[in-house]
Amino acid sequence: MHRIGIDLGGTKIEGILLDQNNETIDRKRVPTHREDGYKAIISRISILGHELLEKSSGVERIGICTPGSVDPSEGVMKNSNTLCLIGEPLQEDLENSFDLPVFMENDANCFALAEAVIGAANDYGVVFGVIMGTGVGGGIIINGNIHRGPNHIAGEWGHHVLYPDGRDCYCGNKGCTESYISGSALEKEWEELTGQTHMVTDIIEKKLYKEHPEWKNNFILNFGRALSHIIDILDPDCIVLGGGLSKIDLLYSEGKDSVYNETVSTHVITPILRNKLGDSAGVFGAALLGVKE
């Protein structure tokens, strides 16, 4: 039985066709061009999916990795940075196009699922998958299945409050994790501190922070505090990091030490893992949706 997954990103739409052993049969990418609007995106996903279907056999469902999530009460998209998707019945429209069930999950859940099943965390039962990039997200996998919770918000650690009355967050709250350790928040903090514009990876790799060590120290402290809450509450078998900031070596040394120091326990052994699948995790995770559930 073959599986199809489609990753709907802000700049690209990627589709993959896997065999029963999760080996790649075919893979395609097309630009999203989200400025063209919702109907154009539906058309591009549909064309891509049908091209993969023509090369497949026994496909029972199609998985979609989305920027945002489906409102379970109304069946429309919400919390998407691709604004034209918000309020639209994406899942229903794609099911009508493919004449197949469509399983949809946000990018953090797809990342966590892919890494837990075929990636860096495939030897662990309870996995917390982290995405740290422009924003901050998370997903929980238990024995190969996504744990969503009754409100479909499980894993949303990016909006766990680190500092009451702290920085404003776009969600409407103050002091959220995302407003301190996301790439955009860290770059804004650096600009406010130095008057210079740099990407986080450049600040770290070129060691620009040596002239302003408080920037790095705050980053590591806040990373430790944020993940320590996950260990204190969930105590997962492992944590796997994804997104652009997951390439920062410091997170696996000083960052890990900070996590361990901030937890309630004095003895912490939770491994913090580098991802294996990189930016391919979303499309692999989409193809795996519904396989075990």
C-alpha atoms as a PDB file:
ATOM      1  CA  MET A   1       0.000   0.000   0.000  1.00  0.00           C
ATOM      2  CA  HIS A   2       1.382   3.388  -0.987  1.00  0.00           C
ATOM      3  CA  ARG A   3       1.100   6.615   1.014  1.00  0.00           C
ATOM      4  CA  ILE A   4       0.920  10.224  -0.118  1.00  0.00           C
ATOM      5  CA  GLY A   5       1.893  13.221   1.960  1.00  0.00           C
ATOM      6  CA  ILE A   6       1.770  16.899   1.027  1.00  0.00           C
ATOM      7  CA  ASP A   7       3.506  19.687   2.938  1.00  0.00           C
ATOM      8  CA  LEU A   8       1.836  23.059   2.409  1.00  0.00           C
ATOM      9  CA  GLY A   9       4.468  25.660   3.242  1.00  0.00           C
ATOM     10  CA  GLY A  10       4.538  29.405   2.908  1.00  0.00           C
ATOM     11  CA  THR A  11       6.852  29.316  -0.122  1.00  0.00           C
ATOM     12  CA  LYS A  12       6.583  25.758  -1.451  1.00  0.00           C
ATOM     13  CA  ILE A  13       4.175  22.860  -1.667  1.00  0.00           C
ATOM     14  CA  GLU A  14       5.945  19.503  -1.532  1.00  0.00           C
ATOM     15  CA  GLY A  15       4.424  16.108  -2.216  1.00  0.00           C
ATOM     16  CA  ILE A  16       5.836  12.639  -1.601  1.00  0.00           C
ATOM     17  CA  LEU A  17       4.820   9.111  -2.519  1.00  0.00           C
ATOM     18  CA  LEU A  18       6.047   6.386  -0.160  1.00  0.00           C
ATOM     19  CA  ASP A  19       5.891   2.605  -0.400  1.00  0.00           C
ATOM     20  CA  GLN A  20       4.891   0.314   2.480  1.00  0.00           C
ATOM     21  CA  ASN A  21       8.436   0.499   3.864  1.00  0.00           C
ATOM     22  CA  ASN A  22       8.427   4.303   3.857  1.00  0.00           C
ATOM     23  CA  GLU A  23      10.851   4.406   0.942  1.00  0.00           C
ATOM     24  CA  THR A  24      10.406   7.284  -1.500  1.00  0.00           C
ATOM     25  CA  ILE A  25       8.891   6.426  -4.886  1.00  0.00           C
ATOM     26  CA  ASP A  26       8.423   9.981  -6.122  1.00  0.00           C
ATOM     27  CA  ARG A  27       8.737  13.506  -4.810  1.00  0.00           C
ATOM     28  CA  LYS A  28       7.709  16.852  -6.293  1.00  0.00           C
ATOM     29  CA  ARG A  29       7.797  20.529  -5.323  1.00  0.00           C
ATOM     30  CA  VAL A  30       5.907  23.522  -6.659  1.00  0.00           C
ATOM     31  CA  PRO A  31       5.843  27.143  -5.458  1.00  0.00           C
ATOM     32  CA  THR A  32       2.958  28.102  -3.163  1.00  0.00           C
ATOM     33  CA  HIS A  33       2.456  31.661  -4.471  1.00  0.00           C
ATOM     34  CA  ARG A  34       0.151  32.378  -1.573  1.00  0.00           C
ATOM     35  CA  GLU A  35      -0.354  35.900  -2.906  1.00  0.00           C
ATOM     36  CA  ASP A  36      -2.558  34.295  -5.591  1.00  0.00           C
ATOM     37  CA  GLY A  37      -5.129  33.353  -2.941  1.00  0.00           C
ATOM     38  CA  TYR A  38      -6.917  30.339  -1.564  1.00  0.00           C
ATOM     39  CA  LYS A  39      -8.397  28.894  -4.757  1.00  0.00           C
ATOM     40  CA  ALA A  40      -5.022  28.960  -6.495  1.00  0.00           C
ATOM     41  CA  ILE A  41      -3.441  27.064  -3.593  1.00  0.00           C
ATOM     42  CA  ILE A  42      -6.208  24.451  -3.693  1.00  0.00           C
ATOM     43  CA  SER A  43      -5.569  24.038  -7.418  1.00  0.00           C
ATOM     44  CA  ARG A  44      -1.816  23.551  -6.961  1.00  0.00           C
ATOM     45  CA  ILE A  45      -2.282  20.996  -4.171  1.00  0.00           C
ATOM     46  CA  SER A  46      -4.858  19.152  -6.271  1.00  0.00           C
ATOM     47  CA  ILE A  47      -2.653  18.999  -9.372  1.00  0.00           C
ATOM     48  CA  LEU A  48       0.343  17.822  -7.327  1.00  0.00           C
ATOM     49  CA  GLY A  49      -1.693  15.187  -5.491  1.00  0.00           C
ATOM     50  CA  HIS A  50      -3.240  13.787  -8.672  1.00  0.00           C
ATOM     51  CA  GLU A  51       0.193  13.506 -10.293  1.00  0.00           C
ATOM     52  CA  LEU A  52       1.331  11.366  -7.367  1.00  0.00           C
ATOM     53  CA  LEU A  53      -1.883   9.337  -7.412  1.00  0.00           C
ATOM     54  CA  GLU A  54      -1.235   8.399 -11.050  1.00  0.00           C
ATOM     55  CA  LYS A  55       2.019   6.704  -9.961  1.00  0.00           C
ATOM     56  CA  SER A  56       0.543   4.982  -6.905  1.00  0.00           C
ATOM     57  CA  SER A  57      -1.515   1.947  -5.981  1.00  0.00           C
ATOM     58  CA  GLY A  58      -3.693   1.242  -2.975  1.00  0.00           C
ATOM     59  CA  VAL A  59      -3.696   4.767  -1.567  1.00  0.00           C
ATOM     60  CA  GLU A  60      -6.409   4.980   1.098  1.00  0.00           C
ATOM     61  CA  ARG A  61      -5.864   8.519   2.340  1.00  0.00           C
ATOM     62  CA  ILE A  62      -3.822  11.657   1.736  1.00  0.00           C
ATOM     63  CA  GLY A  63      -2.008  13.446   4.543  1.00  0.00           C
ATOM     64  CA  ILE A  64      -1.562  17.215   4.556  1.00  0.00           C
ATOM     65  CA  CYS A  65       0.913  19.155   6.693  1.00  0.00           C
ATOM     66  CA  THR A  66      -0.405  22.676   7.125  1.00  0.00           C
ATOM     67  CA  PRO A  67       0.701  26.038   8.522  1.00  0.00           C
ATOM     68  CA  GLY A  68      -2.002  26.277  11.151  1.00  0.00           C
ATOM     69  CA  SER A  69      -4.703  23.854  12.209  1.00  0.00           C
ATOM     70  CA  VAL A  70      -8.305  22.886  11.599  1.00  0.00           C
ATOM     71  CA  ASP A  71     -10.895  24.217  14.034  1.00  0.00           C
ATOM     72  CA  PRO A  72     -12.545  20.951  15.176  1.00  0.00           C
ATOM     73  CA  SER A  73     -15.853  22.676  15.870  1.00  0.00           C
ATOM     74  CA  GLU A  74     -16.250  24.360  12.471  1.00  0.00           C
ATOM     75  CA  GLY A  75     -13.921  22.453  10.139  1.00  0.00           C
ATOM     76  CA  VAL A  76     -12.129  25.567   8.886  1.00  0.00           C
ATOM     77  CA  MET A  77      -8.496  26.665   9.089  1.00  0.00           C
ATOM     78  CA  LYS A  78      -7.228  28.817  11.958  1.00  0.00           C
ATOM     79  CA  ASN A  79      -3.911  30.126  13.312  1.00  0.00           C
ATOM     80  CA  SER A  80      -2.234  30.095   9.895  1.00  0.00           C
ATOM     81  CA  ASN A  81       0.537  32.441   8.787  1.00  0.00           C
ATOM     82  CA  THR A  82      -0.738  31.863   5.249  1.00  0.00           C
ATOM     83  CA  LEU A  83      -3.580  34.271   5.854  1.00  0.00           C
ATOM     84  CA  CYS A  84      -5.720  33.328   2.866  1.00  0.00           C
ATOM     85  CA  LEU A  85      -6.294  29.878   4.427  1.00  0.00           C
ATOM     86  CA  ILE A  86      -7.925  31.226   7.595  1.00  0.00           C
ATOM     87  CA  GLY A  87     -11.636  30.491   7.756  1.00  0.00           C
ATOM     88  CA  GLU A  88     -11.536  28.232   4.683  1.00  0.00           C
ATOM     89  CA  PRO A  89     -12.702  24.566   4.599  1.00  0.00           C
ATOM     90  CA  LEU A  90      -9.354  23.282   3.286  1.00  0.00           C
ATOM     91  CA  GLN A  91      -9.854  19.680   4.388  1.00  0.00           C
ATOM     92  CA  GLU A  92     -13.344  19.420   2.878  1.00  0.00           C
ATOM     93  CA  ASP A  93     -12.283  21.013  -0.398  1.00  0.00           C
ATOM     94  CA  LEU A  94      -9.321  18.648  -0.776  1.00  0.00           C
ATOM     95  CA  GLU A  95     -11.423  15.591   0.032  1.00  0.00           C
ATOM     96  CA  ASN A  96     -13.811  16.644  -2.729  1.00  0.00           C
ATOM     97  CA  SER A  97     -10.881  17.074  -5.110  1.00  0.00           C
ATOM     98  CA  PHE A  98      -9.198  13.734  -4.372  1.00  0.00           C
ATOM     99  CA  ASP A  99     -12.328  11.709  -3.554  1.00  0.00           C
ATOM    100  CA  LEU A 100     -10.308  10.276  -0.653  1.00  0.00           C
ATOM    101  CA  PRO A 101     -10.154  10.922   3.078  1.00  0.00           C
ATOM    102  CA  VAL A 102      -7.730  13.738   3.889  1.00  0.00           C
ATOM    103  CA  PHE A 103      -5.872  13.792   7.212  1.00  0.00           C
ATOM    104  CA  MET A 104      -4.539  17.194   8.254  1.00  0.00           C
ATOM    105  CA  GLU A 105      -2.118  18.252  10.975  1.00  0.00           C
ATOM    106  CA  ASN A 106      -0.036  21.309  11.748  1.00  0.00           C
ATOM    107  CA  ASP A 107       3.659  21.367  10.922  1.00  0.00           C
ATOM    108  CA  ALA A 108       4.804  20.722  14.507  1.00  0.00           C
ATOM    109  CA  ASN A 109       2.751  17.539  14.837  1.00  0.00           C
ATOM    110  CA  CYS A 110       3.940  16.319  11.439  1.00  0.00           C
ATOM    111  CA  PHE A 111       7.545  17.036  12.382  1.00  0.00           C
ATOM    112  CA  ALA A 112       7.221  15.187  15.679  1.00  0.00           C
ATOM    113  CA  LEU A 113       5.482  12.221  14.059  1.00  0.00           C
ATOM    114  CA  ALA A 114       8.101  11.841  11.333  1.00  0.00           C
ATOM    115  CA  GLU A 115      11.020  12.023  13.763  1.00  0.00           C
ATOM    116  CA  ALA A 116       9.310   9.591  16.164  1.00  0.00           C
ATOM    117  CA  VAL A 117       8.509   6.987  13.497  1.00  0.00           C
ATOM    118  CA  ILE A 118      11.401   7.137  11.013  1.00  0.00           C
ATOM    119  CA  GLY A 119      13.738   9.810  12.374  1.00  0.00           C
ATOM    120  CA  ALA A 120      16.011  10.556  15.313  1.00  0.00           C
ATOM    121  CA  ALA A 121      13.482   9.543  17.989  1.00  0.00           C
ATOM    122  CA  ASN A 122      12.311   6.213  16.578  1.00  0.00           C
ATOM    123  CA  ASP A 123      13.559   4.249  19.609  1.00  0.00           C
ATOM    124  CA  TYR A 124      11.493   6.249  22.112  1.00  0.00           C
ATOM    125  CA  GLY A 125       7.905   5.839  23.318  1.00  0.00           C
ATOM    126  CA  VAL A 126       6.949   9.366  24.401  1.00  0.00           C
ATOM    127  CA  VAL A 127       8.475  12.033  22.164  1.00  0.00           C
ATOM    128  CA  PHE A 128       8.200  15.795  22.425  1.00  0.00           C
ATOM    129  CA  GLY A 129       9.040  17.376  19.077  1.00  0.00           C
ATOM    130  CA  VAL A 130      10.078  21.022  19.038  1.00  0.00           C
ATOM    131  CA  ILE A 131      10.084  23.450  16.132  1.00  0.00           C
ATOM    132  CA  MET A 132      12.156  26.575  16.712  1.00  0.00           C
ATOM    133  CA  GLY A 133      12.211  28.883  13.727  1.00  0.00           C
ATOM    134  CA  THR A 134      10.358  32.069  12.888  1.00  0.00           C
ATOM    135  CA  GLY A 135       7.908  30.855  15.526  1.00  0.00           C
ATOM    136  CA  VAL A 136       7.921  28.147  18.184  1.00  0.00           C
ATOM    137  CA  GLY A 137       5.762  25.025  18.126  1.00  0.00           C
ATOM    138  CA  GLY A 138       5.635  21.535  19.554  1.00  0.00           C
ATOM    139  CA  GLY A 139       4.025  18.143  19.125  1.00  0.00           C
ATOM    140  CA  ILE A 140       3.593  15.102  21.365  1.00  0.00           C
ATOM    141  CA  ILE A 141       3.885  11.553  20.053  1.00  0.00           C
ATOM    142  CA  ILE A 142       2.988   8.575  22.246  1.00  0.00           C
ATOM    143  CA  ASN A 143       3.878   5.139  20.902  1.00  0.00           C
ATOM    144  CA  GLY A 144       3.815   6.369  17.323  1.00  0.00           C
ATOM    145  CA  ASN A 145       0.530   8.288  17.590  1.00  0.00           C
ATOM    146  CA  ILE A 146      -0.081  12.036  17.807  1.00  0.00           C
ATOM    147  CA  HIS A 147      -1.482  13.133  21.152  1.00  0.00           C
ATOM    148  CA  ARG A 148      -3.800  16.070  20.453  1.00  0.00           C
ATOM    149  CA  GLY A 149      -5.860  16.413  23.629  1.00  0.00           C
ATOM    150  CA  PRO A 150      -9.598  17.161  23.782  1.00  0.00           C
ATOM    151  CA  ASN A 151      -9.008  20.779  22.759  1.00  0.00           C
ATOM    152  CA  HIS A 152      -6.482  19.925  20.027  1.00  0.00           C
ATOM    153  CA  ILE A 153      -3.826  22.141  21.634  1.00  0.00           C
ATOM    154  CA  ALA A 154      -1.460  19.544  23.116  1.00  0.00           C
ATOM    155  CA  GLY A 155       2.169  20.547  22.619  1.00  0.00           C
ATOM    156  CA  GLU A 156       1.539  24.274  22.134  1.00  0.00           C
ATOM    157  CA  TRP A 157       4.475  25.207  24.362  1.00  0.00           C
ATOM    158  CA  GLY A 158       5.242  28.288  22.257  1.00  0.00           C
ATOM    159  CA  HIS A 159       2.438  30.101  24.049  1.00  0.00           C
ATOM    160  CA  HIS A 160       3.273  28.915  27.543  1.00  0.00           C
ATOM    161  CA  VAL A 161       4.007  32.082  29.505  1.00  0.00           C
ATOM    162  CA  LEU A 162       7.607  32.479  30.648  1.00  0.00           C
ATOM    163  CA  TYR A 163       7.238  35.978  32.064  1.00  0.00           C
ATOM    164  CA  PRO A 164       3.852  37.355  33.197  1.00  0.00           C
ATOM    165  CA  ASP A 165       3.532  40.943  31.955  1.00  0.00           C
ATOM    166  CA  GLY A 166       6.487  40.291  29.623  1.00  0.00           C
ATOM    167  CA  ARG A 167       6.757  40.996  25.917  1.00  0.00           C
ATOM    168  CA  ASP A 168       3.628  41.268  23.815  1.00  0.00           C
ATOM    169  CA  CYS A 169       2.806  38.175  21.759  1.00  0.00           C
ATOM    170  CA  TYR A 170       0.649  38.102  18.625  1.00  0.00           C
ATOM    171  CA  CYS A 171      -1.668  35.600  20.358  1.00  0.00           C
ATOM    172  CA  GLY A 172      -2.824  38.411  22.660  1.00  0.00           C
ATOM    173  CA  ASN A 173      -0.967  37.282  25.783  1.00  0.00           C
ATOM    174  CA  LYS A 174       2.260  38.622  27.250  1.00  0.00           C
ATOM    175  CA  GLY A 175       5.531  36.843  27.964  1.00  0.00           C
ATOM    176  CA  CYS A 176       5.017  33.770  25.759  1.00  0.00           C
ATOM    177  CA  THR A 177       7.931  31.437  25.009  1.00  0.00           C
ATOM    178  CA  GLU A 178       7.660  32.367  21.328  1.00  0.00           C
ATOM    179  CA  SER A 179       8.259  36.023  22.122  1.00  0.00           C
ATOM    180  CA  TYR A 180      11.636  35.136  23.700  1.00  0.00           C
ATOM    181  CA  ILE A 181      13.247  32.196  21.874  1.00  0.00           C
ATOM    182  CA  SER A 182      11.826  32.266  18.343  1.00  0.00           C
ATOM    183  CA  GLY A 183      14.148  33.397  15.584  1.00  0.00           C
ATOM    184  CA  SER A 184      12.176  36.582  14.989  1.00  0.00           C
ATOM    185  CA  ALA A 185      12.147  37.475  18.707  1.00  0.00           C
ATOM    186  CA  LEU A 186      15.879  36.870  19.106  1.00  0.00           C
ATOM    187  CA  GLU A 187      16.711  38.935  16.019  1.00  0.00           C
ATOM    188  CA  LYS A 188      14.506  41.768  17.246  1.00  0.00           C
ATOM    189  CA  GLU A 189      16.208  41.643  20.646  1.00  0.00           C
ATOM    190  CA  TRP A 190      19.645  41.796  18.985  1.00  0.00           C
ATOM    191  CA  GLU A 191      18.613  44.785  16.888  1.00  0.00           C
ATOM    192  CA  GLU A 192      17.279  46.607  19.952  1.00  0.00           C
ATOM    193  CA  LEU A 193      20.506  45.840  21.818  1.00  0.00           C
ATOM    194  CA  THR A 194      23.016  46.710  19.084  1.00  0.00           C
ATOM    195  CA  GLY A 195      21.191  48.633  16.376  1.00  0.00           C
ATOM    196  CA  GLN A 196      22.337  45.933  13.910  1.00  0.00           C
ATOM    197  CA  THR A 197      20.337  43.425  11.890  1.00  0.00           C
ATOM    198  CA  HIS A 198      21.586  39.837  11.840  1.00  0.00           C
ATOM    199  CA  MET A 199      20.125  36.350  11.610  1.00  0.00           C
ATOM    200  CA  VAL A 200      20.314  34.294  14.806  1.00  0.00           C
ATOM    201  CA  THR A 201      22.518  31.665  13.170  1.00  0.00           C
ATOM    202  CA  ASP A 202      25.004  34.380  12.139  1.00  0.00           C
ATOM    203  CA  ILE A 203      25.053  35.849  15.636  1.00  0.00           C
ATOM    204  CA  ILE A 204      25.876  32.416  17.038  1.00  0.00           C
ATOM    205  CA  GLU A 205      28.202  31.043  14.343  1.00  0.00           C
ATOM    206  CA  LYS A 206      30.231  34.249  14.001  1.00  0.00           C
ATOM    207  CA  LYS A 207      30.203  34.647  17.797  1.00  0.00           C
ATOM    208  CA  LEU A 208      28.970  38.210  17.503  1.00  0.00           C
ATOM    209  CA  TYR A 209      27.373  37.761  20.915  1.00  0.00           C
ATOM    210  CA  LYS A 210      30.794  37.950  22.595  1.00  0.00           C
ATOM    211  CA  GLU A 211      30.476  41.727  22.580  1.00  0.00           C
ATOM    212  CA  HIS A 212      26.995  41.422  24.110  1.00  0.00           C
ATOM    213  CA  PRO A 213      27.051  38.194  26.140  1.00  0.00           C
ATOM    214  CA  GLU A 214      23.776  39.053  27.849  1.00  0.00           C
ATOM    215  CA  TRP A 215      21.978  38.241  24.573  1.00  0.00           C
ATOM    216  CA  LYS A 216      23.310  34.677  24.484  1.00  0.00           C
ATOM    217  CA  ASN A 217      22.894  34.208  28.232  1.00  0.00           C
ATOM    218  CA  ASN A 218      19.230  35.254  28.038  1.00  0.00           C
ATOM    219  CA  PHE A 219      18.642  32.943  25.070  1.00  0.00           C
ATOM    220  CA  ILE A 220      20.135  29.916  26.834  1.00  0.00           C
ATOM    221  CA  LEU A 221      18.331  30.673  30.107  1.00  0.00           C
ATOM    222  CA  ASN A 222      14.955  31.079  28.406  1.00  0.00           C
ATOM    223  CA  PHE A 223      15.487  27.945  26.301  1.00  0.00           C
ATOM    224  CA  GLY A 224      16.224  26.027  29.499  1.00  0.00           C
ATOM    225  CA  ARG A 225      13.209  27.381  31.334  1.00  0.00           C
ATOM    226  CA  ALA A 226      10.854  26.700  28.451  1.00  0.00           C
ATOM    227  CA  LEU A 227      11.895  23.074  27.961  1.00  0.00           C
ATOM    228  CA  SER A 228      12.159  22.395  31.685  1.00  0.00           C
ATOM    229  CA  HIS A 229       8.408  22.996  31.904  1.00  0.00           C
ATOM    230  CA  ILE A 230       7.863  20.242  29.347  1.00  0.00           C
ATOM    231  CA  ILE A 231      10.007  17.801  31.327  1.00  0.00           C
ATOM    232  CA  ASP A 232       8.344  18.756  34.622  1.00  0.00           C
ATOM    233  CA  ILE A 233       4.834  18.225  33.219  1.00  0.00           C
ATOM    234  CA  LEU A 234       5.180  15.519  30.560  1.00  0.00           C
ATOM    235  CA  ASP A 235       8.552  13.901  31.379  1.00  0.00           C
ATOM    236  CA  PRO A 236       8.962  12.590  27.804  1.00  0.00           C
ATOM    237  CA  ASP A 237      11.410   9.837  26.889  1.00  0.00           C
ATOM    238  CA  CYS A 238      13.204  12.312  24.625  1.00  0.00           C
ATOM    239  CA  ILE A 239      13.005  15.777  23.106  1.00  0.00           C
ATOM    240  CA  VAL A 240      13.934  16.276  19.445  1.00  0.00           C
ATOM    241  CA  LEU A 241      14.649  19.745  18.078  1.00  0.00           C
ATOM    242  CA  GLY A 242      13.648  20.966  14.623  1.00  0.00           C
ATOM    243  CA  GLY A 243      13.381  24.218  12.707  1.00  0.00           C
ATOM    244  CA  GLY A 244      16.151  26.586  11.683  1.00  0.00           C
ATOM    245  CA  LEU A 245      17.416  27.202  15.226  1.00  0.00           C
ATOM    246  CA  SER A 246      17.891  23.465  15.816  1.00  0.00           C
ATOM    247  CA  LYS A 247      21.182  23.771  13.906  1.00  0.00           C
ATOM    248  CA  ILE A 248      22.711  25.801  16.749  1.00  0.00           C
ATOM    249  CA  ASP A 249      25.278  23.593  18.486  1.00  0.00           C
ATOM    250  CA  LEU A 250      25.003  25.516  21.767  1.00  0.00           C
ATOM    251  CA  LEU A 251      21.505  24.143  22.328  1.00  0.00           C
ATOM    252  CA  TYR A 252      22.913  20.630  22.762  1.00  0.00           C
ATOM    253  CA  SER A 253      25.598  21.696  25.251  1.00  0.00           C
ATOM    254  CA  GLU A 254      24.942  24.877  27.217  1.00  0.00           C
ATOM    255  CA  GLY A 255      21.265  24.744  26.250  1.00  0.00           C
ATOM    256  CA  LYS A 256      20.865  21.176  27.516  1.00  0.00           C
ATOM    257  CA  ASP A 257      22.624  22.059  30.773  1.00  0.00           C
ATOM    258  CA  SER A 258      20.240  24.986  31.201  1.00  0.00           C
ATOM    259  CA  VAL A 259      17.228  22.709  30.676  1.00  0.00           C
ATOM    260  CA  TYR A 260      18.516  20.254  33.260  1.00  0.00           C
ATOM    261  CA  ASN A 261      19.296  23.026  35.754  1.00  0.00           C
ATOM    262  CA  GLU A 262      15.804  24.507  35.491  1.00  0.00           C
ATOM    263  CA  THR A 263      13.807  21.294  36.029  1.00  0.00           C
ATOM    264  CA  VAL A 264      12.351  20.427  39.404  1.00  0.00           C
ATOM    265  CA  SER A 265      14.420  17.232  39.602  1.00  0.00           C
ATOM    266  CA  THR A 266      18.093  17.263  40.524  1.00  0.00           C
ATOM    267  CA  HIS A 267      18.735  14.231  38.303  1.00  0.00           C
ATOM    268  CA  VAL A 268      17.606  14.588  34.662  1.00  0.00           C
ATOM    269  CA  ILE A 269      18.525  12.133  31.888  1.00  0.00           C
ATOM    270  CA  THR A 270      16.118  13.201  29.119  1.00  0.00           C
ATOM    271  CA  PRO A 271      18.074  13.243  25.830  1.00  0.00           C
ATOM    272  CA  ILE A 272      17.773  16.336  23.665  1.00  0.00           C
ATOM    273  CA  LEU A 273      18.258  15.128  20.100  1.00  0.00           C
ATOM    274  CA  ARG A 274      19.110  16.688  16.769  1.00  0.00           C
ATOM    275  CA  ASN A 275      16.541  15.926  14.099  1.00  0.00           C
ATOM    276  CA  LYS A 276      17.372  13.456  11.343  1.00  0.00           C
ATOM    277  CA  LEU A 277      14.977  14.513   8.584  1.00  0.00           C
ATOM    278  CA  GLY A 278      15.580  18.271   8.442  1.00  0.00           C
ATOM    279  CA  ASP A 279      13.061  20.240   6.417  1.00  0.00           C
ATOM    280  CA  SER A 280      11.742  16.968   4.938  1.00  0.00           C
ATOM    281  CA  ALA A 281      10.066  16.018   8.224  1.00  0.00           C
ATOM    282  CA  GLY A 282       6.819  17.806   7.350  1.00  0.00           C
ATOM    283  CA  VAL A 283       6.145  15.902   4.147  1.00  0.00           C
ATOM    284  CA  PHE A 284       7.155  12.544   5.648  1.00  0.00           C
ATOM    285  CA  GLY A 285       4.968  13.231   8.662  1.00  0.00           C
ATOM    286  CA  ALA A 286       2.036  14.057   6.400  1.00  0.00           C
ATOM    287  CA  ALA A 287       2.426  10.719   4.599  1.00  0.00           C
ATOM    288  CA  LEU A 288       2.405   8.909   7.957  1.00  0.00           C
ATOM    289  CA  LEU A 289      -0.832  10.500   9.187  1.00  0.00           C
ATOM    290  CA  GLY A 290      -3.452   7.924  10.086  1.00  0.00           C
ATOM    291  CA  VAL A 291      -1.145   4.927   9.579  1.00  0.00           C
ATOM    292  CA  LYS A 292      -1.370   3.701  13.202  1.00  0.00           C
ATOM    293  CA  GLU A 293      -4.422   5.598  14.467  1.00  0.00           C
END
